[in-house]
Amino acid sequence: MNFTLSENLSSQITHYLTERIISGDLRPGERIQEIPLAAELGVSRAPIREALQILRRNRLVELTPRHGARVTPLSREYVEWLYEILVELYSIVVRQLITRPDKERLSRFEVALEKIEAMSREGEERAYYNARMEYALIGLEGSSNLLLKETMYDFIPSVMRVQHLALTKRLGNIKMTMQYLKTFNDAMKTGEVDRGVTAIRDLLQCDKEFAIRAIGEEQQ
């Protein structure tokens, strides 16, 4: 990766390490050593330390005295905790989206859904994953609660990491996940709040099960 002095070095390093953690290039529990990383990237240790602090706040690394940094482990319990929170937060977002309809936003959801379906048919895992995140971000942008949006954005790195791990499982059950998203889009058109909330809660439950299954296979 090429780093430019015109941009914040710690932000660039944060992005670089985030991508490596989400993709699995840096494995759960793997140590991140400051000196070798600084030499690899051609930077001082100061921006490395700043980046690691950001990653700690994003729950992607753990920092412990005398042991340094390591990638946060993934476990069934961690996924259970994460989705327990996400289900409630997304339910609030869905209620806001449906009770405050917006034609332009609905059109963006429709386009995003078509993209998800197209990528799933083509078996493009990375593109499908990106399309799913794009769909979710449209919803977050539509929330009128700034504190809720800020909280949700804080969880995005963790969600991206877990969903990336579960990609293969999700593509194998694409008909199920597509049905949940189509139901949600229909609920936005008809103004059916409970139907929309149920669709997203069911989708997240499905995502959680895929992630737990993937973690189990990784640990075998």
Foldseek 3Di string as FASTA:
>chain_A
DADDPVDDLLVVVLVVVLVCLLLCVAPAFHADDQPVVCVVHVHDSVSVVVSQVLCVLLQQWDQDPPRGIGGHHDALVVLVVLLVVVLVLVLVLLLQPQVDDDPVLLVVLVVLLVQLVVCLVVVPQVSNLVSVVVNVVSSLVSDPDPVSSVVVVSNVSVVSSLLSLLSVVCSVVVVLLSVLSVQLSVCSVVSPSVSNSVSVSVNSVVSSVSSNVSSVVVVD
